[in-house]
Every structure is written in C-alpha cells, then in structure tokens.
Amino acid sequence: MSGWIVDAVSDIVTLDSETLQPPPPTSAGDTVVPFLEGLAAIDDKMVMVLNLAALSDAVVVPEAA
C-alpha cells in the first residue's frame, strides 16, 4: 500500500481532456519530466498536472533498517 503526504491542498478541480496542454519540450526535445502529464490554464493560473503513477516510480524510498 502506498500514498502521498502533502503539506496543503488549495483546490481540487475537474479538467476536461481538451483543457490539458502537452508539457513544453526541453532543449533536448524531450518532455520536461516524465511525471508531468501536462499543463492547464485555470482562471488566471497555469497549473501542472502530474502523472502520480510515473512520479511514484521515480521516487526512491530507502529500506527500513
């Protein structure tokens, strides 16, 4: 079992798939990070939409002693 601990949540929103923009390319032409699903404009803000499954794979948790 796994989960996430966060400091705070400011909003929870529902996005339509057409609202999601692809992540910008880096100078190498790849996406910025593998766990960035895309960007969405909400009101006057640009927010990052994360792929939590990919982010979980990227996190290394040390084994308990």
C-alpha atoms as a PDB file:
ATOM      1  CA  MET A   1       0.000   0.000   0.000  1.00  0.00           C
ATOM      2  CA  SER A   2       1.280   3.471  -0.808  1.00  0.00           C
ATOM      3  CA  GLY A   3       0.062   7.024  -0.576  1.00  0.00           C
ATOM      4  CA  TRP A   4       1.118  10.646  -0.556  1.00  0.00           C
ATOM      5  CA  ILE A   5       1.579  13.077   2.307  1.00  0.00           C
ATOM      6  CA  VAL A   6       1.253  16.736   1.328  1.00  0.00           C
ATOM      7  CA  ASP A   7       1.613  19.977   3.257  1.00  0.00           C
ATOM      8  CA  ALA A   8      -1.583  21.543   1.902  1.00  0.00           C
ATOM      9  CA  VAL A   9      -4.245  21.317  -0.785  1.00  0.00           C
ATOM     10  CA  SER A  10      -5.553  24.617  -2.114  1.00  0.00           C
ATOM     11  CA  ASP A  11      -8.099  23.362  -4.675  1.00  0.00           C
ATOM     12  CA  ILE A  12      -9.369  20.206  -6.300  1.00  0.00           C
ATOM     13  CA  VAL A  13     -10.629  20.708  -9.841  1.00  0.00           C
ATOM     14  CA  THR A  14     -12.001  18.561 -12.641  1.00  0.00           C
ATOM     15  CA  LEU A  15     -10.455  19.096 -16.068  1.00  0.00           C
ATOM     16  CA  ASP A  16     -11.750  18.125 -19.486  1.00  0.00           C
ATOM     17  CA  SER A  17      -9.162  16.297 -21.589  1.00  0.00           C
ATOM     18  CA  GLU A  18      -9.204  19.090 -24.201  1.00  0.00           C
ATOM     19  CA  THR A  19      -8.148  21.580 -21.488  1.00  0.00           C
ATOM     20  CA  LEU A  20      -4.853  19.750 -20.955  1.00  0.00           C
ATOM     21  CA  GLN A  21      -1.907  21.082 -22.973  1.00  0.00           C
ATOM     22  CA  PRO A  22       1.186  18.947 -23.609  1.00  0.00           C
ATOM     23  CA  PRO A  23       4.250  19.712 -21.493  1.00  0.00           C
ATOM     24  CA  PRO A  24       6.795  22.002 -23.152  1.00  0.00           C
ATOM     25  CA  PRO A  25       9.869  20.355 -24.708  1.00  0.00           C
ATOM     26  CA  THR A  26      13.312  20.753 -23.201  1.00  0.00           C
ATOM     27  CA  SER A  27      16.330  21.816 -25.226  1.00  0.00           C
ATOM     28  CA  ALA A  28      16.941  18.105 -25.905  1.00  0.00           C
ATOM     29  CA  GLY A  29      13.425  17.800 -27.366  1.00  0.00           C
ATOM     30  CA  ASP A  30      12.128  15.510 -24.614  1.00  0.00           C
ATOM     31  CA  THR A  31       9.316  16.388 -22.249  1.00  0.00           C
ATOM     32  CA  VAL A  32      10.343  18.334 -19.151  1.00  0.00           C
ATOM     33  CA  VAL A  33       9.935  15.451 -16.747  1.00  0.00           C
ATOM     34  CA  PRO A  34       8.378  12.028 -17.220  1.00  0.00           C
ATOM     35  CA  PHE A  35       5.817  12.592 -14.468  1.00  0.00           C
ATOM     36  CA  LEU A  36       4.433  15.859 -15.894  1.00  0.00           C
ATOM     37  CA  GLU A  37       1.193  14.906 -17.667  1.00  0.00           C
ATOM     38  CA  GLY A  38       0.566  18.400 -18.995  1.00  0.00           C
ATOM     39  CA  LEU A  39      -0.429  21.980 -18.236  1.00  0.00           C
ATOM     40  CA  ALA A  40      -3.850  23.526 -17.777  1.00  0.00           C
ATOM     41  CA  ALA A  41      -4.989  27.142 -17.564  1.00  0.00           C
ATOM     42  CA  ILE A  42      -7.456  27.612 -14.712  1.00  0.00           C
ATOM     43  CA  ASP A  43      -8.791  31.134 -14.188  1.00  0.00           C
ATOM     44  CA  ASP A  44      -5.643  33.295 -14.359  1.00  0.00           C
ATOM     45  CA  LYS A  45      -3.275  30.499 -13.309  1.00  0.00           C
ATOM     46  CA  MET A  46      -1.241  27.874 -15.146  1.00  0.00           C
ATOM     47  CA  VAL A  47      -1.149  24.598 -13.221  1.00  0.00           C
ATOM     48  CA  MET A  48       0.902  21.446 -13.714  1.00  0.00           C
ATOM     49  CA  VAL A  49      -0.980  18.148 -13.940  1.00  0.00           C
ATOM     50  CA  LEU A  50       1.112  15.290 -12.578  1.00  0.00           C
ATOM     51  CA  ASN A  51       1.083  11.615 -13.517  1.00  0.00           C
ATOM     52  CA  LEU A  52       1.195  10.152  -9.997  1.00  0.00           C
ATOM     53  CA  ALA A  53       1.947   6.615 -11.201  1.00  0.00           C
ATOM     54  CA  ALA A  54       5.083   7.829 -13.026  1.00  0.00           C
ATOM     55  CA  LEU A  55       6.018  10.010 -10.061  1.00  0.00           C
ATOM     56  CA  SER A  56       5.711   7.026  -7.708  1.00  0.00           C
ATOM     57  CA  ASP A  57       8.072   5.055  -9.943  1.00  0.00           C
ATOM     58  CA  ALA A  58      10.599   7.933  -9.821  1.00  0.00           C
ATOM     59  CA  VAL A  59      10.639   8.214  -6.005  1.00  0.00           C
ATOM     60  CA  VAL A  60      13.303   6.132  -4.288  1.00  0.00           C
ATOM     61  CA  VAL A  61      12.429   5.189  -0.716  1.00  0.00           C
ATOM     62  CA  PRO A  62      15.280   3.856   1.427  1.00  0.00           C
ATOM     63  CA  GLU A  63      14.673   0.488   3.040  1.00  0.00           C
ATOM     64  CA  ALA A  64      13.996   0.445   6.772  1.00  0.00           C
ATOM     65  CA  ALA A  65      16.887  -0.810   8.873  1.00  0.00           C
END
